[in-house]
Amino acid sequence: GEGQLARAAAVLGKPFPIQGLAAVSGHEEIELQPILTSLVAKEVLSVQADPRSPERGQYGFLQDLVRTVAYETLAKRERRNKHLAVATYLERTWSSDAEEIVEVLASHYLEAWRLDPDATDAQEIKGKARELLVRAAERAAALAAAEEAQSAFEKAAELSESELERAALTERAGEMAEKRGLAEDAATRYGEATRLFEEAGQARTAARVQARMAG
C-alpha cells in the first residue's frame, strides 16, 4: 500500500529512481507505478520532470518532515533490513570506483550497524562502513571539503577495532580541523592521536604528532 511504499522510500532518502524503490520494497516496478502516481497526486512525493536535470524521472519527498515520520514508523529490524537492501542495490548498480556513491553507501551500512550492533553480521557491516567512510573522507579531503572529511574521519575512527588505525584516522581528522582554521579542535584531535599512538607502542609517531600539536 501507499504507507508501506512511503516507508520504503524514506530509507532511500535522497531523490531515487523507481528501480531503487523496487529493490528496497521487494515489488516489481509495474506494481509500484500506480502507487507512486497516487503519492505524487497527494503531494507526498514529487517527480523530477525537467529534461535538463540528471535526476529526471526520480522521486523525492516534498517535505522532510513527512519523510522523517515515515522513516520513524518503521520497526527497527525492518529499517535495518531496508538499509542493507539499499546498500546491496547501490553496490549492484554502481561500479565500485564510482566515488560519488561511496558516502551514501557508507551512511546506509553505518545506519544498519547502529540499528543492531549485536547482530551476527554486525562486525562485517561495521567493517564495510568503516572502509567506505575512510574512502569518503579521503575523497572529501582531495576535493578540499575539509568539514565533510573531518566528520567522515571521526566516524571511521569511532568504528575502528585497531588502536593504530584509530590513531591515524584521528590524526587525519586533526589535519582537517587545522585546514579549517580550528586550532583548538585540531589540538584536541592531535592530543588524542598522540595518546593512541603511545598506547599502540608507536613512540616515534606519537612524538611527531605531539610536535604538530605544539605547532
Protein backbone atom coordinates (compact mmCIF):
# COMPACT_ATOMS: atom_id res chain seq x y z
CA GLY A 1 0.00 0.00 0.00
CA GLU A 2 0.90 3.69 -0.07
CA GLY A 3 2.06 3.82 3.56
CA GLN A 4 4.31 0.81 3.13
CA LEU A 5 5.81 2.31 -0.02
CA ALA A 6 6.36 5.71 1.61
CA ARG A 7 8.25 3.99 4.45
CA ALA A 8 10.49 2.14 2.00
CA ALA A 9 11.07 5.39 0.09
CA ALA A 10 12.03 7.12 3.36
CA VAL A 11 15.00 4.76 3.77
CA LEU A 12 16.24 5.64 0.27
CA GLY A 13 16.29 9.28 1.34
CA LYS A 14 17.61 11.46 -1.47
CA PRO A 15 15.88 11.51 -4.90
CA PHE A 16 15.61 7.90 -6.05
CA PRO A 17 14.70 6.05 -9.26
CA ILE A 18 11.83 3.57 -9.36
CA GLN A 19 14.40 0.73 -9.69
CA GLY A 20 15.78 1.65 -6.26
CA LEU A 21 12.33 1.54 -4.72
CA ALA A 22 11.67 -1.84 -6.35
CA ALA A 23 14.88 -3.19 -4.79
CA VAL A 24 14.02 -1.92 -1.30
CA SER A 25 10.29 -2.69 -1.29
CA GLY A 26 10.57 -6.10 -2.95
CA HIS A 27 7.86 -5.18 -5.52
CA GLU A 28 8.03 -5.10 -9.30
CA GLU A 29 8.26 -1.69 -10.99
CA ILE A 30 4.95 -2.30 -12.77
CA GLU A 31 3.19 -2.74 -9.38
CA LEU A 32 4.81 0.41 -7.99
CA GLN A 33 3.93 2.82 -10.78
CA PRO A 34 0.23 3.40 -9.90
CA ILE A 35 1.06 3.80 -6.18
CA LEU A 36 3.83 6.29 -6.98
CA THR A 37 1.44 8.23 -9.25
CA SER A 38 -1.06 8.39 -6.39
CA LEU A 39 1.61 9.57 -3.87
CA VAL A 40 2.65 12.31 -6.32
CA ALA A 41 -1.02 13.34 -6.77
CA LYS A 42 -1.39 13.52 -2.97
CA GLU A 43 1.79 15.67 -2.80
CA VAL A 44 3.63 13.19 -0.59
CA LEU A 45 6.26 12.67 -3.30
CA SER A 46 7.33 14.76 -6.25
CA VAL A 47 8.84 13.58 -9.52
CA GLN A 48 11.61 15.44 -11.35
CA ALA A 49 10.26 16.28 -14.81
CA ASP A 50 12.94 18.73 -16.06
CA PRO A 51 14.62 17.10 -19.08
CA ARG A 52 17.86 19.00 -18.27
CA SER A 53 18.09 17.53 -14.79
CA PRO A 54 20.33 14.49 -14.21
CA GLU A 55 17.65 13.38 -11.72
CA ARG A 56 14.89 13.36 -14.33
CA GLY A 57 12.29 10.69 -13.59
CA GLN A 58 13.46 10.37 -9.98
CA TYR A 59 11.15 10.66 -6.98
CA GLY A 60 11.67 12.52 -3.73
CA PHE A 61 9.72 13.64 -0.68
CA LEU A 62 8.15 17.09 -0.95
CA GLN A 63 8.68 17.66 2.78
CA ASP A 64 11.48 16.39 5.02
CA LEU A 65 9.06 16.11 7.92
CA VAL A 66 6.87 13.62 6.02
CA ARG A 67 9.94 11.56 5.20
CA THR A 68 11.10 11.61 8.86
CA VAL A 69 7.67 10.49 10.11
CA ALA A 70 7.52 7.68 7.52
CA TYR A 71 11.05 6.57 8.44
CA GLU A 72 10.40 6.57 12.18
CA THR A 73 7.25 4.45 11.87
CA LEU A 74 9.37 1.57 10.52
CA ALA A 75 10.21 -1.14 13.04
CA LYS A 76 13.94 -1.27 13.89
CA ARG A 77 14.53 -4.67 12.26
CA GLU A 78 12.68 -3.66 9.09
CA ARG A 79 14.58 -0.36 8.97
CA ARG A 80 17.90 -2.22 9.25
CA ASN A 81 16.94 -4.72 6.53
CA LYS A 82 15.93 -1.89 4.21
CA HIS A 83 19.23 -0.02 4.74
CA LEU A 84 21.07 -3.22 3.79
CA ALA A 85 18.78 -3.68 0.76
CA VAL A 86 19.61 -0.12 -0.39
CA ALA A 87 23.35 -0.82 0.06
CA THR A 88 23.08 -4.04 -1.98
CA TYR A 89 21.14 -2.20 -4.69
CA LEU A 90 23.74 0.61 -4.85
CA GLU A 91 26.65 -1.83 -5.00
CA ARG A 92 24.93 -3.74 -7.79
CA THR A 93 24.02 -0.62 -9.77
CA TRP A 94 27.17 1.46 -9.43
CA SER A 95 30.69 0.39 -10.24
CA SER A 96 32.92 0.14 -7.16
CA ASP A 97 35.02 3.12 -8.29
CA ALA A 98 32.01 5.47 -8.56
CA GLU A 99 33.34 7.68 -5.76
CA GLU A 100 30.26 9.91 -5.57
CA ILE A 101 28.22 6.98 -4.24
CA VAL A 102 30.74 5.95 -1.54
CA GLU A 103 29.45 8.41 1.06
CA VAL A 104 25.81 7.35 0.52
CA LEU A 105 26.79 3.68 0.70
CA ALA A 106 28.76 4.29 3.91
CA SER A 107 25.76 6.01 5.53
CA HIS A 108 23.48 3.00 4.83
CA TYR A 109 25.97 0.50 6.28
CA LEU A 110 26.61 2.76 9.28
CA GLU A 111 22.88 3.07 9.99
CA ALA A 112 22.37 -0.70 9.60
CA TRP A 113 25.18 -1.35 12.09
CA ARG A 114 23.88 1.24 14.59
CA LEU A 115 20.40 -0.30 14.48
CA ASP A 116 21.71 -3.67 15.70
CA PRO A 117 25.38 -3.73 16.79
CA ASP A 118 24.92 -7.24 18.24
CA ALA A 119 23.61 -8.93 15.08
CA THR A 120 25.57 -11.93 13.80
CA ASP A 121 26.74 -9.98 10.72
CA ALA A 122 27.32 -6.72 12.66
CA GLN A 123 31.14 -6.89 12.56
CA GLU A 124 31.14 -7.36 8.78
CA ILE A 125 28.72 -4.43 8.32
CA LYS A 126 30.76 -2.27 10.70
CA GLY A 127 33.93 -3.09 8.73
CA LYS A 128 32.27 -2.13 5.44
CA ALA A 129 31.00 1.13 6.94
CA ARG A 130 34.49 2.00 8.26
CA GLU A 131 36.21 1.18 4.96
CA LEU A 132 33.72 3.27 2.97
CA LEU A 133 33.91 6.18 5.44
CA VAL A 134 37.70 6.29 5.03
CA ARG A 135 37.27 6.36 1.24
CA ALA A 136 34.64 9.10 1.52
CA ALA A 137 36.90 11.08 3.89
CA GLU A 138 39.94 10.85 1.59
CA ARG A 139 37.79 11.88 -1.37
CA ALA A 140 36.41 14.90 0.53
CA ALA A 141 39.97 15.82 1.61
CA ALA A 142 41.16 15.65 -2.01
CA LEU A 143 38.28 17.95 -3.01
CA ALA A 144 39.24 20.39 -0.20
CA ALA A 145 35.92 19.71 1.56
CA ALA A 146 37.64 19.70 4.97
CA GLU A 147 34.48 19.78 7.10
CA GLU A 148 32.98 16.68 5.42
CA ALA A 149 36.38 14.97 5.52
CA GLN A 150 36.84 15.65 9.25
CA SER A 151 33.36 14.29 10.04
CA ALA A 152 33.97 11.11 8.00
CA PHE A 153 37.45 10.53 9.51
CA GLU A 154 35.96 10.87 13.01
CA LYS A 155 33.10 8.45 12.27
CA ALA A 156 35.58 5.95 10.79
CA ALA A 157 37.87 6.28 13.86
CA GLU A 158 34.92 5.50 16.16
CA LEU A 159 34.27 2.27 14.26
CA SER A 160 37.90 1.15 14.23
CA GLU A 161 38.86 -2.05 16.04
CA SER A 162 42.58 -1.24 15.88
CA GLU A 163 44.20 1.37 18.14
CA LEU A 164 46.81 2.12 15.48
CA GLU A 165 44.21 2.71 12.78
CA ARG A 166 42.12 4.84 15.17
CA ALA A 167 45.23 6.92 15.93
CA ALA A 168 45.97 7.50 12.22
CA LEU A 169 42.35 8.43 11.45
CA THR A 170 42.18 10.77 14.45
CA GLU A 171 45.36 12.49 13.23
CA ARG A 172 43.75 12.91 9.77
CA ALA A 173 40.69 14.46 11.47
CA GLY A 174 43.10 16.86 13.23
CA GLU A 175 44.66 17.82 9.89
CA MET A 176 41.21 18.64 8.53
CA ALA A 177 40.38 20.76 11.61
CA GLU A 178 43.70 22.59 11.10
CA LYS A 179 42.82 23.21 7.43
CA ARG A 180 39.53 24.72 8.63
CA GLY A 181 41.43 27.08 10.93
CA LEU A 182 40.08 25.40 14.07
CA ALA A 183 43.29 25.36 16.13
CA GLU A 184 41.71 24.17 19.38
CA ASP A 185 39.80 21.41 17.63
CA ALA A 186 42.97 20.33 15.79
CA ALA A 187 44.99 20.29 19.04
CA THR A 188 42.36 18.08 20.71
CA ARG A 189 42.48 15.58 17.81
CA TYR A 190 46.31 15.60 17.75
CA GLY A 191 46.38 15.06 21.53
CA GLU A 192 44.03 12.07 21.22
CA ALA A 193 46.11 10.66 18.32
CA THR A 194 49.34 11.07 20.37
CA ARG A 195 47.81 9.10 23.26
CA LEU A 196 46.59 6.34 20.92
CA PHE A 197 49.96 6.04 19.14
CA GLU A 198 51.70 5.79 22.53
CA GLU A 199 49.26 3.07 23.66
CA ALA A 200 49.91 1.19 20.42
CA GLY A 201 53.67 1.29 21.16
CA GLN A 202 54.46 3.83 18.43
CA ALA A 203 56.51 6.31 20.49
CA ARG A 204 58.24 7.94 17.49
CA THR A 205 54.94 8.58 15.67
CA ALA A 206 53.40 9.86 18.92
CA ALA A 207 56.27 12.35 19.27
CA ARG A 208 55.80 13.51 15.67
CA VAL A 209 52.07 14.16 16.25
CA GLN A 210 52.81 15.88 19.55
CA ALA A 211 55.15 18.25 17.70
CA ARG A 212 52.29 19.08 15.33
CA MET A 213 50.08 19.76 18.31
CA ALA A 214 52.69 22.14 19.77
CA GLY A 215 52.90 23.86 16.41
